[in-house]
Structures are given as C-alpha cells and as structure tokens.
N, C-alpha and C. Protein backbone atom coordinates (compact mmCIF):
# COMPACT_ATOMS: atom_id res chain seq x y z
N MET A 1 123.81 95.81 143.89
CA MET A 1 123.82 96.55 142.61
C MET A 1 122.21 96.68 142.37
N GLN A 2 121.96 98.03 142.01
CA GLN A 2 120.60 98.32 141.93
C GLN A 2 119.97 98.01 140.33
N LYS A 3 118.84 97.56 140.47
CA LYS A 3 118.22 97.38 138.95
C LYS A 3 117.81 98.86 138.52
N GLN A 4 118.11 98.92 137.28
CA GLN A 4 117.64 100.23 136.70
C GLN A 4 116.11 100.07 136.20
N LYS A 5 115.23 101.04 136.55
CA LYS A 5 114.03 101.30 136.43
C LYS A 5 113.66 101.60 134.81
N LYS A 6 112.84 100.63 134.30
CA LYS A 6 112.25 101.03 133.05
C LYS A 6 111.18 102.20 132.86
N ALA A 7 111.70 103.00 131.80
CA ALA A 7 110.92 104.16 131.90
C ALA A 7 109.63 103.65 131.36
N GLN A 8 108.15 104.32 131.96
CA GLN A 8 107.37 103.90 131.53
C GLN A 8 106.54 104.39 130.26
N THR A 9 106.02 103.74 129.37
CA THR A 9 105.64 104.35 128.29
C THR A 9 104.08 104.83 128.34
N TYR A 10 103.85 105.65 127.56
CA TYR A 10 102.28 106.04 127.39
C TYR A 10 101.44 104.99 127.44
N LYS A 11 101.50 104.10 126.84
CA LYS A 11 100.72 103.04 126.67
C LYS A 11 100.75 102.26 128.03
N ASP A 12 101.83 102.04 128.97
CA ASP A 12 101.88 101.40 130.19
C ASP A 12 100.97 102.22 131.26
N SER A 13 101.11 103.49 130.91
CA SER A 13 100.49 104.49 132.02
C SER A 13 99.02 104.77 131.50
N HIS A 14 98.44 104.59 130.54
CA HIS A 14 97.01 104.78 130.32
C HIS A 14 96.51 103.57 129.67
N THR A 15 95.05 103.19 130.32
CA THR A 15 94.69 102.00 129.54
C THR A 15 94.31 102.28 128.38
N LEU A 16 93.75 100.89 127.50
CA LEU A 16 93.39 101.21 126.36
C LEU A 16 92.06 101.78 126.01
N GLU A 17 91.25 101.62 127.09
CA GLU A 17 89.96 102.70 127.04
C GLU A 17 90.44 104.02 127.03
N GLU A 18 91.17 104.53 127.88
CA GLU A 18 91.61 105.82 128.14
C GLU A 18 92.27 106.47 126.66
N ARG A 19 92.98 105.81 126.04
CA ARG A 19 93.73 106.04 124.96
C ARG A 19 92.70 106.27 123.71
N LYS A 20 91.60 105.23 123.60
CA LYS A 20 90.98 105.38 122.38
C LYS A 20 89.93 106.57 122.57
N LYS A 21 89.41 106.90 123.97
CA LYS A 21 88.66 107.90 124.04
C LYS A 21 89.44 109.28 124.02
N ARG A 22 90.64 109.31 124.25
CA ARG A 22 91.33 110.41 124.01
C ARG A 22 91.45 110.98 122.53
N VAL A 23 91.80 109.63 121.55
CA VAL A 23 91.93 109.83 120.46
C VAL A 23 90.57 110.18 119.43
N GLN A 24 89.42 109.52 119.92
CA GLN A 24 88.38 109.78 119.45
C GLN A 24 87.83 111.12 119.61
N GLU A 25 88.03 111.91 120.91
CA GLU A 25 87.49 113.10 121.29
C GLU A 25 88.67 114.22 120.65
N GLN A 26 89.89 113.80 120.38
CA GLN A 26 90.69 114.71 119.69
C GLN A 26 90.48 114.93 118.16
N LEU A 27 90.04 113.50 117.68
CA LEU A 27 89.68 113.61 116.15
C LEU A 27 88.31 114.21 115.87
N ALA A 28 87.50 114.16 116.67
CA ALA A 28 86.03 114.67 116.65
C ALA A 28 86.20 116.29 116.78
N LYS A 29 87.01 116.70 117.65
CA LYS A 29 87.29 118.09 117.93
C LYS A 29 88.26 118.78 117.00
N TYR A 30 89.49 117.94 116.50
CA TYR A 30 90.07 118.71 115.21
C TYR A 30 90.58 117.50 114.34
N PRO A 31 89.52 117.40 113.53
CA PRO A 31 89.48 116.17 112.41
C PRO A 31 90.87 116.59 111.37
N GLU A 32 91.48 117.74 111.41
CA GLU A 32 92.54 117.99 110.62
C GLU A 32 93.86 117.60 111.22
N MET A 33 93.90 117.39 112.44
CA MET A 33 94.97 117.12 113.23
C MET A 33 95.48 115.63 113.55
N ILE A 34 96.48 115.29 113.72
CA ILE A 34 97.02 113.88 113.90
C ILE A 34 97.60 113.82 115.33
N PRO A 35 96.81 112.52 116.01
CA PRO A 35 97.16 112.33 117.40
C PRO A 35 98.80 111.46 117.64
N VAL A 36 99.97 112.23 118.34
CA VAL A 36 101.03 111.53 118.06
C VAL A 36 101.50 111.53 119.30
N ILE A 37 102.14 110.25 119.67
CA ILE A 37 102.67 109.80 120.99
C ILE A 37 104.39 109.86 120.63
N VAL A 38 105.16 110.68 121.23
CA VAL A 38 106.81 110.81 120.83
C VAL A 38 107.60 110.13 122.01
N GLU A 39 108.12 109.41 122.07
CA GLU A 39 108.74 108.78 123.20
C GLU A 39 110.24 108.31 122.85
N LYS A 40 111.35 108.61 123.70
CA LYS A 40 112.83 108.50 123.65
C LYS A 40 112.88 106.83 123.59
N ILE A 41 113.82 106.16 122.97
CA ILE A 41 113.99 104.99 122.73
C ILE A 41 115.24 104.77 123.94
N PRO A 42 114.75 103.68 124.74
CA PRO A 42 115.71 103.31 125.80
C PRO A 42 117.11 103.28 125.40
N GLY A 43 118.12 103.85 126.18
CA GLY A 43 119.47 103.88 125.97
C GLY A 43 119.87 105.09 125.19
N CYS A 44 119.12 105.94 124.72
CA CYS A 44 119.09 106.85 123.98
C CYS A 44 120.02 108.19 124.91
N LYS A 45 120.82 108.79 124.34
CA LYS A 45 121.54 109.89 125.44
C LYS A 45 120.94 111.35 125.40
N LEU A 46 119.68 111.44 124.25
CA LEU A 46 119.19 112.69 124.56
C LEU A 46 118.18 112.82 125.62
N PRO A 47 117.79 114.04 125.85
CA PRO A 47 116.76 113.94 127.06
C PRO A 47 115.53 113.48 126.78
N GLN A 48 114.96 113.69 127.80
CA GLN A 48 113.33 113.07 127.66
C GLN A 48 112.43 114.28 127.30
N LEU A 49 111.48 114.06 126.35
CA LEU A 49 110.59 115.29 126.38
C LEU A 49 109.76 115.67 127.49
N GLN A 50 109.55 116.87 127.65
CA GLN A 50 108.44 117.08 128.87
C GLN A 50 107.04 116.73 128.41
N LYS A 51 106.70 116.86 127.32
CA LYS A 51 105.30 116.02 127.06
C LYS A 51 105.49 115.31 125.81
N VAL A 52 104.74 114.15 125.82
CA VAL A 52 104.91 113.21 124.62
C VAL A 52 103.67 113.08 123.98
N LYS A 53 102.51 113.56 124.22
CA LYS A 53 101.59 113.89 123.22
C LYS A 53 101.37 115.01 122.64
N PHE A 54 101.39 114.89 121.17
CA PHE A 54 101.21 115.97 120.28
C PHE A 54 100.01 116.02 119.57
N LEU A 55 99.17 117.11 119.03
CA LEU A 55 98.36 116.99 118.16
C LEU A 55 99.07 118.02 116.75
N VAL A 56 99.15 117.36 115.69
CA VAL A 56 99.84 117.97 114.68
C VAL A 56 99.06 117.92 113.44
N ASN A 57 99.19 119.10 112.95
CA ASN A 57 98.53 119.33 111.58
C ASN A 57 98.89 118.26 110.56
N SER A 58 98.01 117.72 109.92
CA SER A 58 98.09 116.46 109.18
C SER A 58 98.85 116.77 107.86
N SER A 59 98.66 118.07 107.15
CA SER A 59 99.52 118.59 106.45
C SER A 59 101.09 118.82 106.32
N PHE A 60 101.14 118.72 107.66
CA PHE A 60 102.83 118.77 107.70
C PHE A 60 103.48 117.81 107.29
N SER A 61 104.59 118.05 106.93
CA SER A 61 105.80 116.79 106.39
C SER A 61 106.41 116.37 107.63
N PHE A 62 106.91 115.15 107.39
CA PHE A 62 107.58 114.36 108.46
C PHE A 62 108.59 115.67 109.05
N ASN A 63 109.42 115.86 107.99
CA ASN A 63 110.50 116.88 108.38
C ASN A 63 110.26 118.00 109.27
N GLU A 64 108.83 118.69 109.01
CA GLU A 64 108.41 119.96 109.88
C GLU A 64 108.42 119.12 111.14
N PHE A 65 107.64 118.42 111.12
CA PHE A 65 107.37 117.70 112.71
C PHE A 65 108.72 117.37 113.53
N LYS A 66 109.56 116.73 112.74
CA LYS A 66 110.89 116.31 113.43
C LYS A 66 111.53 117.33 113.83
N ASN A 67 111.48 118.76 113.17
CA ASN A 67 111.94 119.78 113.32
C ASN A 67 111.51 120.44 114.88
N THR A 68 110.27 120.40 114.65
CA THR A 68 109.30 120.73 115.97
C THR A 68 110.08 120.15 117.37
N ILE A 69 110.34 118.67 117.01
CA ILE A 69 110.81 117.81 118.23
C ILE A 69 112.00 118.17 118.53
N LYS A 70 113.09 118.50 117.55
CA LYS A 70 114.30 119.15 117.87
C LYS A 70 114.28 120.19 118.64
N LYS A 71 113.64 121.16 118.16
CA LYS A 71 113.49 122.50 118.99
C LYS A 71 112.97 121.96 120.61
N LYS A 72 111.95 121.43 120.69
CA LYS A 72 111.55 120.97 122.05
C LYS A 72 112.78 120.44 122.70
N LEU A 73 113.46 119.53 122.17
CA LEU A 73 114.84 118.87 122.76
C LEU A 73 116.01 119.83 122.86
N GLN A 74 115.80 121.05 122.48
CA GLN A 74 116.99 122.00 122.17
C GLN A 74 118.18 121.68 121.41
N LEU A 75 117.76 120.86 120.24
CA LEU A 75 118.57 120.48 119.20
C LEU A 75 118.83 121.51 118.20
N ASP A 76 120.16 121.72 117.88
CA ASP A 76 120.14 122.67 116.84
C ASP A 76 119.64 121.96 115.48
N GLU A 77 118.73 122.58 114.76
CA GLU A 77 117.83 122.26 113.81
C GLU A 77 118.44 121.61 112.54
N LYS A 78 119.59 122.26 112.26
CA LYS A 78 120.54 121.86 110.90
C LYS A 78 121.69 121.16 111.50
N THR A 79 122.28 121.17 112.43
CA THR A 79 123.48 120.39 112.64
C THR A 79 123.17 119.37 113.21
N SER A 80 122.18 119.17 114.32
CA SER A 80 121.95 117.70 115.13
C SER A 80 121.04 116.86 114.37
N THR A 81 121.64 115.77 114.72
CA THR A 81 120.75 114.43 113.83
C THR A 81 119.75 113.83 115.03
N LEU A 82 118.78 113.58 114.57
CA LEU A 82 117.74 112.91 115.34
C LEU A 82 117.02 112.03 114.39
N PHE A 83 117.08 110.89 114.87
CA PHE A 83 116.24 109.68 114.22
C PHE A 83 115.05 109.24 114.65
N MET A 84 114.08 109.25 113.71
CA MET A 84 112.67 109.26 114.43
C MET A 84 112.23 107.69 113.63
N TYR A 85 111.46 106.79 114.60
CA TYR A 85 111.07 105.71 114.22
C TYR A 85 109.49 105.27 114.24
N CYS A 86 109.15 104.69 113.61
CA CYS A 86 107.74 104.12 113.85
C CYS A 86 107.76 102.54 113.97
N GLY A 87 107.70 102.11 114.90
CA GLY A 87 108.25 100.62 114.99
C GLY A 87 109.45 100.07 114.88
N LYS A 88 109.89 99.64 113.88
CA LYS A 88 110.99 99.45 113.53
C LYS A 88 111.54 100.32 112.04
N SER A 89 110.45 101.05 111.69
CA SER A 89 110.63 101.63 110.27
C SER A 89 111.43 103.24 110.57
N LEU A 90 112.02 103.45 109.78
CA LEU A 90 112.60 104.97 109.92
C LEU A 90 111.78 105.76 108.76
N MET A 91 111.23 106.75 109.45
CA MET A 91 110.47 107.57 108.41
C MET A 91 111.01 108.43 107.32
N ASN A 92 110.27 108.59 106.24
CA ASN A 92 110.84 109.34 105.13
C ASN A 92 110.34 110.88 105.54
N GLU A 93 111.24 111.81 105.34
CA GLU A 93 111.34 113.09 106.08
C GLU A 93 110.09 114.05 105.05
N HIS A 94 109.70 113.45 103.94
CA HIS A 94 108.96 114.40 102.71
C HIS A 94 107.72 113.72 102.63
N ASP A 95 107.49 112.48 103.52
CA ASP A 95 106.07 112.04 103.61
C ASP A 95 105.22 113.01 104.43
N LYS A 96 103.85 113.05 104.10
CA LYS A 96 103.04 114.20 104.95
C LYS A 96 102.64 113.05 106.18
N LEU A 97 102.33 113.71 107.20
CA LEU A 97 102.11 112.87 108.70
C LEU A 97 100.60 112.46 108.17
N ARG A 98 99.83 112.78 107.63
CA ARG A 98 98.69 112.37 106.93
C ARG A 98 98.96 110.77 106.38
N ASN A 99 99.86 110.77 105.64
CA ASN A 99 99.98 109.52 104.81
C ASN A 99 100.72 108.54 106.03
N ILE A 100 101.74 108.85 106.81
CA ILE A 100 102.54 108.23 107.98
C ILE A 100 101.12 107.57 108.84
N TYR A 101 100.31 108.74 109.12
CA TYR A 101 99.31 108.43 110.08
C TYR A 101 98.49 107.13 109.51
N ASP A 102 98.03 107.30 108.51
CA ASP A 102 97.14 106.14 107.66
C ASP A 102 97.79 104.78 107.79
N GLN A 103 98.90 105.21 107.53
CA GLN A 103 99.70 103.61 107.22
C GLN A 103 100.37 103.15 108.84
N TYR A 104 100.65 103.74 109.75
CA TYR A 104 101.45 103.47 110.80
C TYR A 104 100.39 103.65 112.18
N LYS A 105 99.35 104.27 112.14
CA LYS A 105 98.61 104.31 113.41
C LYS A 105 98.46 103.07 114.26
N ASP A 106 98.34 103.01 115.28
CA ASP A 106 98.12 102.01 116.25
C ASP A 106 96.68 101.49 115.98
N PRO A 107 96.53 100.28 115.51
CA PRO A 107 94.93 99.83 115.09
C PRO A 107 94.43 99.63 116.43
N GLU A 108 94.90 99.57 117.66
CA GLU A 108 93.48 99.38 118.71
C GLU A 108 93.59 100.57 119.37
N ASP A 109 94.27 101.65 119.26
CA ASP A 109 93.79 103.13 119.97
C ASP A 109 93.80 104.33 119.10
N GLY A 110 94.62 104.26 118.04
CA GLY A 110 94.36 105.43 117.03
C GLY A 110 95.45 106.51 117.10
N PHE A 111 96.53 106.16 117.90
CA PHE A 111 97.53 107.15 118.22
C PHE A 111 98.76 106.85 117.20
N LEU A 112 99.47 107.47 116.56
CA LEU A 112 100.71 107.45 115.88
C LEU A 112 101.79 107.23 117.10
N TYR A 113 102.53 106.09 116.84
CA TYR A 113 103.53 106.37 118.43
C TYR A 113 104.83 106.25 117.28
N LEU A 114 105.69 107.09 117.99
CA LEU A 114 107.01 107.51 117.17
C LEU A 114 108.00 107.56 118.33
N GLN A 115 109.32 106.92 118.06
CA GLN A 115 110.40 107.04 118.84
C GLN A 115 111.32 107.94 118.40
N TYR A 116 112.35 108.07 119.28
CA TYR A 116 113.48 109.09 118.66
C TYR A 116 114.80 108.71 119.29
N ALA A 117 115.77 108.77 118.61
CA ALA A 117 117.12 108.33 119.19
C ALA A 117 118.18 109.40 118.43
N ASP A 118 119.28 109.34 119.16
CA ASP A 118 120.56 110.07 118.35
C ASP A 118 121.14 109.38 117.44
N ALA A 119 120.97 108.51 117.36
CA ALA A 119 122.05 107.57 116.60
C ALA A 119 120.91 106.25 115.85
N GLU A 120 121.26 105.98 114.35
CA GLU A 120 120.41 104.74 114.03
C GLU A 120 120.38 103.36 114.89
N THR A 121 119.28 103.07 115.32
CA THR A 121 119.17 102.05 116.19
C THR A 121 118.37 101.08 115.90
N PHE A 122 118.95 100.17 115.20
CA PHE A 122 118.23 98.78 114.74
C PHE A 122 118.24 97.79 115.86
N GLY A 123 117.07 96.89 115.99
CA GLY A 123 117.04 96.27 116.87
C GLY A 123 117.01 96.60 118.47
N PHE A 124 116.16 97.99 118.40
CA PHE A 124 116.13 98.23 119.72
C PHE A 124 114.83 97.74 120.48
C-alpha cells in the first residue's frame, strides 16, 4: 500500500525570509493591492489552482474575489458552491478585502492565506 503524498503548501515551499521579502516588495510597488495565497483544502474534490499567489485590489469585496477564483477553477459563478476559509473562519462575502487582510494576514510574512473547498469543512 502506497502512502499518499501530502500536497506541499506555499509556506512549505518558500522560506519565511522569501515570503516576507515578496510581500514587502509587492506592497512597496502596489500599496493598494493585497497579497493573497489561495490553496485547496486537502480532500477537497475541486481542482488545484494553476497559481496560488494573487495580488488583489483592496477595494474588492470578498465575493468579487471568490468569483474570480470560481472562474479560475472553471466553476459556474451562479450555481457552483465554493467555500473559502481563512484558518477556521468562513469569510463574510460582503467584507472588503482590505478589512479581511487587516484582520487575518499572517503576522510573520504578511500574506493573507485562504483555503477553498467544495463543501463546508470544519475540522480540516
């Protein structure tokens, strides 16, 4: 029986120094943008995103960004369900990304880390 390999996260594949430097450079160059990492929750049946790193306008609502992710996953914007989490928290779709970033950004590197799933997944 083969052991299934755990998908490597962005944090696993980049050192803290690399991540901090990337955020600092992005915020210096694009202060109105939010650096976001979006990764699939293990066990989720949805496809993996081709790229996980995004720079998103801070004035976007969370729902606008979520619809962008749906398009990248080739999900129907109106009928497909996509749950997105920051840690164990389900995001309010009407919140602005700036507010979410200020509350949930990683205190070490400054990225906003989000996870997605095709069903509500508490205890992941």
